[in-house]
C-alpha cells in the first residue's frame, strides 16, 4: 500500500536528521520508527510464507495436506550463514531465494529477481517455438518502455534485445541478465545480509509459527 511505501521510505532516512521539533519529538519518533520497523518485518515474513507456499511445484501441491509447511524447512543457522559467502549460494537455496524475493518486494525492486528467474527458465527452454513466445513475453513484461515490471537497463541493451527476439536464441537476454545480477549482488544482496530477518535466521532462536503470518 502507499502508506507502507511511505513508511518504508521514512525508515530509509535517519529520523534524527529531520528533527523539526527538537528533542521532545525524537523519543516519540523513535517509538514510531520501532513500530514501523516491526510492521515491515512482520509484513516481510507474511510475504515470505506466501513465496514459500507458492513456489512449490505441482507434484508437491498434490500432497497438499501432507505438507504445506514441510515444503521448505527453515534453514539451520549454519545453512543460512552460507548465504553470506556468495550471492550464488543464496540464489541456489529455495528458502533463501524466497526470502530474498520477499526482501526485494519490501524494497520495491522485485522485478530484478523476477527477471533473473525468467531468464534462467528461458535458458532451459528446448523448443524453438516456446523460445520465441517466451522471449516476447519477457520483452513485454520487463524490457519495453512502460513494461509492467520494467527493469533498469540502458537503451542500447534494450534495443539489442528488441532486434534479437525476432529470431530468439538462448543468449537473447544474456547482457541484461548479467547487468541485473550485478545490480542485485552489489546493492540488494548486502542490504539483505544486514537485514534483521536474515540476522534472525543465523541465530539459534527460531521464528515462531505465529510470527510467520497467515
C-alpha atoms as a PDB file:
ATOM      1  CA  UNK A   1       0.000   0.000   0.000  1.00  0.00           C
ATOM      2  CA  UNK A   2       1.002   3.604  -0.455  1.00  0.00           C
ATOM      3  CA  UNK A   3       1.177   4.035   3.275  1.00  0.00           C
ATOM      4  CA  UNK A   4       3.582   1.141   3.646  1.00  0.00           C
ATOM      5  CA  UNK A   5       5.715   2.611   0.855  1.00  0.00           C
ATOM      6  CA  UNK A   6       5.790   5.912   2.666  1.00  0.00           C
ATOM      7  CA  UNK A   7       6.672   4.153   5.915  1.00  0.00           C
ATOM      8  CA  UNK A   8       9.440   2.275   4.222  1.00  0.00           C
ATOM      9  CA  UNK A   9      10.885   5.421   2.688  1.00  0.00           C
ATOM     10  CA  UNK A  10      10.640   7.119   6.063  1.00  0.00           C
ATOM     11  CA  UNK A  11      12.721   4.295   7.524  1.00  0.00           C
ATOM     12  CA  UNK A  12      15.395   4.817   4.923  1.00  0.00           C
ATOM     13  CA  UNK A  13      16.091   8.305   6.228  1.00  0.00           C
ATOM     14  CA  UNK A  14      17.533   8.837   9.616  1.00  0.00           C
ATOM     15  CA  UNK A  15      14.744  10.337  11.709  1.00  0.00           C
ATOM     16  CA  UNK A  16      17.315  12.297  13.696  1.00  0.00           C
ATOM     17  CA  UNK A  17      18.320  14.389  10.708  1.00  0.00           C
ATOM     18  CA  UNK A  18      14.773  15.505  10.089  1.00  0.00           C
ATOM     19  CA  UNK A  19      14.025  16.723  13.595  1.00  0.00           C
ATOM     20  CA  UNK A  20      11.960  19.852  13.465  1.00  0.00           C
ATOM     21  CA  UNK A  21      10.503  19.960  16.966  1.00  0.00           C
ATOM     22  CA  UNK A  22      13.807  19.376  18.764  1.00  0.00           C
ATOM     23  CA  UNK A  23      14.408  16.674  21.348  1.00  0.00           C
ATOM     24  CA  UNK A  24      10.820  16.326  22.545  1.00  0.00           C
ATOM     25  CA  UNK A  25       9.741  14.680  19.320  1.00  0.00           C
ATOM     26  CA  UNK A  26      12.696  12.380  18.953  1.00  0.00           C
ATOM     27  CA  UNK A  27      11.522   9.865  21.580  1.00  0.00           C
ATOM     28  CA  UNK A  28       8.086   9.634  20.028  1.00  0.00           C
ATOM     29  CA  UNK A  29       9.732   9.340  16.627  1.00  0.00           C
ATOM     30  CA  UNK A  30      11.982   6.537  17.857  1.00  0.00           C
ATOM     31  CA  UNK A  31       8.981   4.643  19.208  1.00  0.00           C
ATOM     32  CA  UNK A  32       7.086   5.236  15.967  1.00  0.00           C
ATOM     33  CA  UNK A  33      10.093   4.117  13.930  1.00  0.00           C
ATOM     34  CA  UNK A  34      10.368   0.945  16.010  1.00  0.00           C
ATOM     35  CA  UNK A  35       6.699   0.254  15.416  1.00  0.00           C
ATOM     36  CA  UNK A  36       7.022   0.827  11.672  1.00  0.00           C
ATOM     37  CA  UNK A  37      10.050  -1.424  11.542  1.00  0.00           C
ATOM     38  CA  UNK A  38       8.162  -4.231  13.274  1.00  0.00           C
ATOM     39  CA  UNK A  39       5.247  -3.821  10.873  1.00  0.00           C
ATOM     40  CA  UNK A  40       7.581  -4.058   7.917  1.00  0.00           C
ATOM     41  CA  UNK A  41       9.391  -7.110   9.248  1.00  0.00           C
ATOM     42  CA  UNK A  42       6.089  -8.832  10.032  1.00  0.00           C
ATOM     43  CA  UNK A  43       4.824  -7.906   6.581  1.00  0.00           C
ATOM     44  CA  UNK A  44       8.006  -9.375   5.167  1.00  0.00           C
ATOM     45  CA  UNK A  45       7.504 -12.692   6.924  1.00  0.00           C
ATOM     46  CA  UNK A  46       3.936 -12.888   5.650  1.00  0.00           C
ATOM     47  CA  UNK A  47       5.245 -12.346   2.127  1.00  0.00           C
ATOM     48  CA  UNK A  48       7.964 -14.921   2.669  1.00  0.00           C
ATOM     49  CA  UNK A  49       5.464 -17.590   3.691  1.00  0.00           C
ATOM     50  CA  UNK A  50       3.458 -16.642   0.589  1.00  0.00           C
ATOM     51  CA  UNK A  51       6.511 -17.140  -1.664  1.00  0.00           C
ATOM     52  CA  UNK A  52       7.405 -20.409   0.043  1.00  0.00           C
ATOM     53  CA  UNK A  53       3.920 -21.807  -0.411  1.00  0.00           C
ATOM     54  CA  UNK A  54       3.566 -20.631  -3.979  1.00  0.00           C
ATOM     55  CA  UNK A  55       6.919 -21.656  -5.339  1.00  0.00           C
ATOM     56  CA  UNK A  56       6.350 -25.338  -4.645  1.00  0.00           C
ATOM     57  CA  UNK A  57       5.922 -27.259  -7.892  1.00  0.00           C
ATOM     58  CA  UNK A  58       2.764 -29.037  -8.997  1.00  0.00           C
ATOM     59  CA  UNK A  59       3.789 -32.512  -7.808  1.00  0.00           C
ATOM     60  CA  UNK A  60       4.264 -31.208  -4.303  1.00  0.00           C
ATOM     61  CA  UNK A  61       0.931 -29.426  -4.490  1.00  0.00           C
ATOM     62  CA  UNK A  62      -0.829 -32.793  -4.979  1.00  0.00           C
ATOM     63  CA  UNK A  63       0.118 -33.922  -1.498  1.00  0.00           C
ATOM     64  CA  UNK A  64      -1.126 -30.556  -0.253  1.00  0.00           C
ATOM     65  CA  UNK A  65      -2.484 -31.707   3.089  1.00  0.00           C
ATOM     66  CA  UNK A  66       0.591 -33.769   3.819  1.00  0.00           C
ATOM     67  CA  UNK A  67       2.968 -30.886   3.866  1.00  0.00           C
ATOM     68  CA  UNK A  68       2.137 -27.305   3.076  1.00  0.00           C
ATOM     69  CA  UNK A  69       4.597 -26.242   5.755  1.00  0.00           C
ATOM     70  CA  UNK A  70       7.043 -29.046   5.066  1.00  0.00           C
ATOM     71  CA  UNK A  71       7.679 -27.877   1.503  1.00  0.00           C
ATOM     72  CA  UNK A  72      10.723 -25.936   2.667  1.00  0.00           C
ATOM     73  CA  UNK A  73      12.308 -26.310   6.035  1.00  0.00           C
ATOM     74  CA  UNK A  74      13.579 -23.249   7.772  1.00  0.00           C
ATOM     75  CA  UNK A  75      17.338 -23.423   7.184  1.00  0.00           C
ATOM     76  CA  UNK A  76      19.686 -24.171  10.038  1.00  0.00           C
ATOM     77  CA  UNK A  77      21.736 -21.162  11.210  1.00  0.00           C
ATOM     78  CA  UNK A  78      24.791 -22.827   9.590  1.00  0.00           C
ATOM     79  CA  UNK A  79      22.957 -23.121   6.266  1.00  0.00           C
ATOM     80  CA  UNK A  80      21.756 -19.522   6.441  1.00  0.00           C
ATOM     81  CA  UNK A  81      25.291 -18.333   7.181  1.00  0.00           C
ATOM     82  CA  UNK A  82      26.453 -19.924   3.922  1.00  0.00           C
ATOM     83  CA  UNK A  83      24.318 -17.445   2.009  1.00  0.00           C
ATOM     84  CA  UNK A  84      26.586 -14.641   3.094  1.00  0.00           C
ATOM     85  CA  UNK A  85      29.593 -16.326   1.473  1.00  0.00           C
ATOM     86  CA  UNK A  86      28.366 -15.895  -2.092  1.00  0.00           C
ATOM     87  CA  UNK A  87      25.318 -14.458  -3.812  1.00  0.00           C
ATOM     88  CA  UNK A  88      25.010 -17.735  -5.776  1.00  0.00           C
ATOM     89  CA  UNK A  89      24.707 -19.695  -2.517  1.00  0.00           C
ATOM     90  CA  UNK A  90      21.664 -17.605  -1.658  1.00  0.00           C
ATOM     91  CA  UNK A  91      20.060 -17.962  -5.101  1.00  0.00           C
ATOM     92  CA  UNK A  92      20.661 -21.729  -5.161  1.00  0.00           C
ATOM     93  CA  UNK A  93      18.747 -22.278  -1.925  1.00  0.00           C
ATOM     94  CA  UNK A  94      14.944 -22.366  -2.331  1.00  0.00           C
ATOM     95  CA  UNK A  95      14.236 -20.870   1.070  1.00  0.00           C
ATOM     96  CA  UNK A  96      16.995 -18.302   0.563  1.00  0.00           C
ATOM     97  CA  UNK A  97      15.627 -17.337  -2.839  1.00  0.00           C
ATOM     98  CA  UNK A  98      12.115 -16.927  -1.431  1.00  0.00           C
ATOM     99  CA  UNK A  99      13.467 -14.827   1.449  1.00  0.00           C
ATOM    100  CA  UNK A 100      15.452 -12.658  -0.970  1.00  0.00           C
ATOM    101  CA  UNK A 101      12.379 -12.176  -3.178  1.00  0.00           C
ATOM    102  CA  UNK A 102      10.316 -11.122  -0.173  1.00  0.00           C
ATOM    103  CA  UNK A 103      13.102  -8.710   0.769  1.00  0.00           C
ATOM    104  CA  UNK A 104      13.226  -7.195  -2.744  1.00  0.00           C
ATOM    105  CA  UNK A 105       9.453  -6.803  -2.614  1.00  0.00           C
ATOM    106  CA  UNK A 106       9.849  -4.800   0.580  1.00  0.00           C
ATOM    107  CA  UNK A 107      12.413  -2.629  -1.243  1.00  0.00           C
ATOM    108  CA  UNK A 108      10.082  -2.240  -4.252  1.00  0.00           C
ATOM    109  CA  UNK A 109      12.514  -3.803  -6.715  1.00  0.00           C
ATOM    110  CA  UNK A 110      11.307  -7.398  -7.008  1.00  0.00           C
ATOM    111  CA  UNK A 111      11.257  -7.043 -10.799  1.00  0.00           C
ATOM    112  CA  UNK A 112      15.029  -7.688 -10.729  1.00  0.00           C
ATOM    113  CA  UNK A 113      14.809 -11.180  -9.250  1.00  0.00           C
ATOM    114  CA  UNK A 114      11.705 -11.973 -11.315  1.00  0.00           C
ATOM    115  CA  UNK A 115      13.542 -11.032 -14.490  1.00  0.00           C
ATOM    116  CA  UNK A 116      16.579 -13.091 -13.432  1.00  0.00           C
ATOM    117  CA  UNK A 117      14.357 -16.121 -12.748  1.00  0.00           C
ATOM    118  CA  UNK A 118      12.545 -15.669 -16.068  1.00  0.00           C
ATOM    119  CA  UNK A 119      15.944 -15.665 -17.829  1.00  0.00           C
ATOM    120  CA  UNK A 120      17.013 -18.827 -16.001  1.00  0.00           C
ATOM    121  CA  UNK A 121      13.826 -20.531 -17.134  1.00  0.00           C
ATOM    122  CA  UNK A 122      14.247 -19.160 -20.669  1.00  0.00           C
ATOM    123  CA  UNK A 123      17.750 -20.637 -20.974  1.00  0.00           C
ATOM    124  CA  UNK A 124      16.400 -24.110 -20.185  1.00  0.00           C
ATOM    125  CA  UNK A 125      13.703 -23.938 -22.873  1.00  0.00           C
ATOM    126  CA  UNK A 126      14.139 -26.629 -25.535  1.00  0.00           C
ATOM    127  CA  UNK A 127      11.533 -25.973 -28.227  1.00  0.00           C
ATOM    128  CA  UNK A 128      12.245 -23.106 -30.688  1.00  0.00           C
ATOM    129  CA  UNK A 129       8.551 -22.130 -30.748  1.00  0.00           C
ATOM    130  CA  UNK A 130       8.481 -21.835 -26.983  1.00  0.00           C
ATOM    131  CA  UNK A 131      11.735 -19.905 -27.064  1.00  0.00           C
ATOM    132  CA  UNK A 132      10.197 -17.272 -29.314  1.00  0.00           C
ATOM    133  CA  UNK A 133       6.978 -16.934 -27.321  1.00  0.00           C
ATOM    134  CA  UNK A 134       8.859 -16.789 -24.005  1.00  0.00           C
ATOM    135  CA  UNK A 135      11.278 -14.193 -25.411  1.00  0.00           C
ATOM    136  CA  UNK A 136       8.337 -11.976 -26.430  1.00  0.00           C
ATOM    137  CA  UNK A 137       6.706 -12.385 -23.024  1.00  0.00           C
ATOM    138  CA  UNK A 138       9.929 -11.462 -21.201  1.00  0.00           C
ATOM    139  CA  UNK A 139      10.301  -8.466 -23.517  1.00  0.00           C
ATOM    140  CA  UNK A 140       6.726  -7.318 -22.858  1.00  0.00           C
ATOM    141  CA  UNK A 141       6.928  -7.872 -19.108  1.00  0.00           C
ATOM    142  CA  UNK A 142      10.368  -6.487 -18.332  1.00  0.00           C
ATOM    143  CA  UNK A 143      12.104  -4.731 -21.195  1.00  0.00           C
ATOM    144  CA  UNK A 144       9.913  -2.477 -23.282  1.00  0.00           C
ATOM    145  CA  UNK A 145       9.255   1.096 -22.252  1.00  0.00           C
ATOM    146  CA  UNK A 146       6.480   1.264 -19.631  1.00  0.00           C
ATOM    147  CA  UNK A 147       6.564  -2.539 -19.214  1.00  0.00           C
ATOM    148  CA  UNK A 148       4.671  -3.573 -16.052  1.00  0.00           C
ATOM    149  CA  UNK A 149       7.908  -4.765 -14.397  1.00  0.00           C
ATOM    150  CA  UNK A 150      10.371  -2.651 -16.355  1.00  0.00           C
ATOM    151  CA  UNK A 151      13.974  -3.299 -15.308  1.00  0.00           C
ATOM    152  CA  UNK A 152      16.571  -0.596 -15.197  1.00  0.00           C
ATOM    153  CA  UNK A 153      18.893  -1.262 -18.144  1.00  0.00           C
ATOM    154  CA  UNK A 154      20.339   1.078 -20.741  1.00  0.00           C
ATOM    155  CA  UNK A 155      18.684   1.978 -24.011  1.00  0.00           C
ATOM    156  CA  UNK A 156      21.286   0.197 -26.183  1.00  0.00           C
ATOM    157  CA  UNK A 157      20.804  -3.128 -24.419  1.00  0.00           C
ATOM    158  CA  UNK A 158      17.018  -2.745 -24.778  1.00  0.00           C
ATOM    159  CA  UNK A 159      17.373  -2.067 -28.485  1.00  0.00           C
ATOM    160  CA  UNK A 160      19.637  -5.042 -28.978  1.00  0.00           C
ATOM    161  CA  UNK A 161      17.092  -7.277 -27.259  1.00  0.00           C
ATOM    162  CA  UNK A 162      14.252  -5.911 -29.396  1.00  0.00           C
ATOM    163  CA  UNK A 163      16.215  -6.946 -32.505  1.00  0.00           C
ATOM    164  CA  UNK A 164      17.338 -10.313 -31.142  1.00  0.00           C
ATOM    165  CA  UNK A 165      13.942 -11.608 -30.088  1.00  0.00           C
ATOM    166  CA  UNK A 166      12.773 -11.638 -33.711  1.00  0.00           C
ATOM    167  CA  UNK A 167      14.984 -14.721 -34.113  1.00  0.00           C
ATOM    168  CA  UNK A 168      15.164 -15.764 -30.487  1.00  0.00           C
ATOM    169  CA  UNK A 169      18.193 -17.697 -29.260  1.00  0.00           C
ATOM    170  CA  UNK A 170      19.178 -18.729 -25.734  1.00  0.00           C
ATOM    171  CA  UNK A 171      21.501 -15.732 -25.417  1.00  0.00           C
ATOM    172  CA  UNK A 172      18.893 -13.025 -26.158  1.00  0.00           C
ATOM    173  CA  UNK A 173      18.869 -11.713 -22.612  1.00  0.00           C
ATOM    174  CA  UNK A 174      22.414 -12.560 -21.501  1.00  0.00           C
ATOM    175  CA  UNK A 175      23.722  -8.992 -21.300  1.00  0.00           C
ATOM    176  CA  UNK A 176      20.626  -7.742 -19.469  1.00  0.00           C
ATOM    177  CA  UNK A 177      20.666 -10.690 -17.083  1.00  0.00           C
ATOM    178  CA  UNK A 178      24.327 -10.045 -16.216  1.00  0.00           C
ATOM    179  CA  UNK A 179      23.556  -6.378 -15.588  1.00  0.00           C
ATOM    180  CA  UNK A 180      20.619  -7.167 -13.307  1.00  0.00           C
ATOM    181  CA  UNK A 181      22.602  -9.865 -11.489  1.00  0.00           C
ATOM    182  CA  UNK A 182      25.413  -7.473 -10.643  1.00  0.00           C
ATOM    183  CA  UNK A 183      22.894  -4.793  -9.662  1.00  0.00           C
ATOM    184  CA  UNK A 184      21.382  -7.212  -7.126  1.00  0.00           C
ATOM    185  CA  UNK A 185      24.752  -8.543  -5.982  1.00  0.00           C
ATOM    186  CA  UNK A 186      26.132  -5.062  -5.315  1.00  0.00           C
ATOM    187  CA  UNK A 187      23.029  -3.375  -3.886  1.00  0.00           C
ATOM    188  CA  UNK A 188      20.227  -5.540  -2.565  1.00  0.00           C
ATOM    189  CA  UNK A 189      22.299  -8.550  -1.520  1.00  0.00           C
ATOM    190  CA  UNK A 190      24.492  -6.679   1.016  1.00  0.00           C
ATOM    191  CA  UNK A 191      21.357  -5.000   2.412  1.00  0.00           C
ATOM    192  CA  UNK A 192      19.633  -8.371   2.671  1.00  0.00           C
ATOM    193  CA  UNK A 193      22.583  -9.729   4.673  1.00  0.00           C
ATOM    194  CA  UNK A 194      22.281  -6.782   7.060  1.00  0.00           C
ATOM    195  CA  UNK A 195      18.520  -7.154   7.467  1.00  0.00           C
ATOM    196  CA  UNK A 196      17.115  -8.161  10.832  1.00  0.00           C
ATOM    197  CA  UNK A 197      15.295 -11.022   9.186  1.00  0.00           C
ATOM    198  CA  UNK A 198      18.495 -12.572   7.858  1.00  0.00           C
ATOM    199  CA  UNK A 199      20.316 -11.960  11.134  1.00  0.00           C
ATOM    200  CA  UNK A 200      17.483 -13.773  12.878  1.00  0.00           C
ATOM    201  CA  UNK A 201      17.873 -16.792  10.594  1.00  0.00           C
ATOM    202  CA  UNK A 202      21.559 -17.007  11.506  1.00  0.00           C
ATOM    203  CA  UNK A 203      20.737 -17.058  15.217  1.00  0.00           C
ATOM    204  CA  UNK A 204      19.802 -20.202  17.056  1.00  0.00           C
ATOM    205  CA  UNK A 205      16.338 -18.925  18.047  1.00  0.00           C
ATOM    206  CA  UNK A 206      13.568 -19.937  15.621  1.00  0.00           C
ATOM    207  CA  UNK A 207      10.844 -17.613  14.371  1.00  0.00           C
ATOM    208  CA  UNK A 208       7.556 -18.819  15.798  1.00  0.00           C
ATOM    209  CA  UNK A 209       4.786 -20.046  13.524  1.00  0.00           C
ATOM    210  CA  UNK A 210       2.571 -17.156  14.625  1.00  0.00           C
ATOM    211  CA  UNK A 211       5.104 -14.587  13.519  1.00  0.00           C
ATOM    212  CA  UNK A 212       5.182 -16.031  10.031  1.00  0.00           C
ATOM    213  CA  UNK A 213       1.748 -14.627   9.374  1.00  0.00           C
ATOM    214  CA  UNK A 214      -1.229 -16.450   7.962  1.00  0.00           C
END
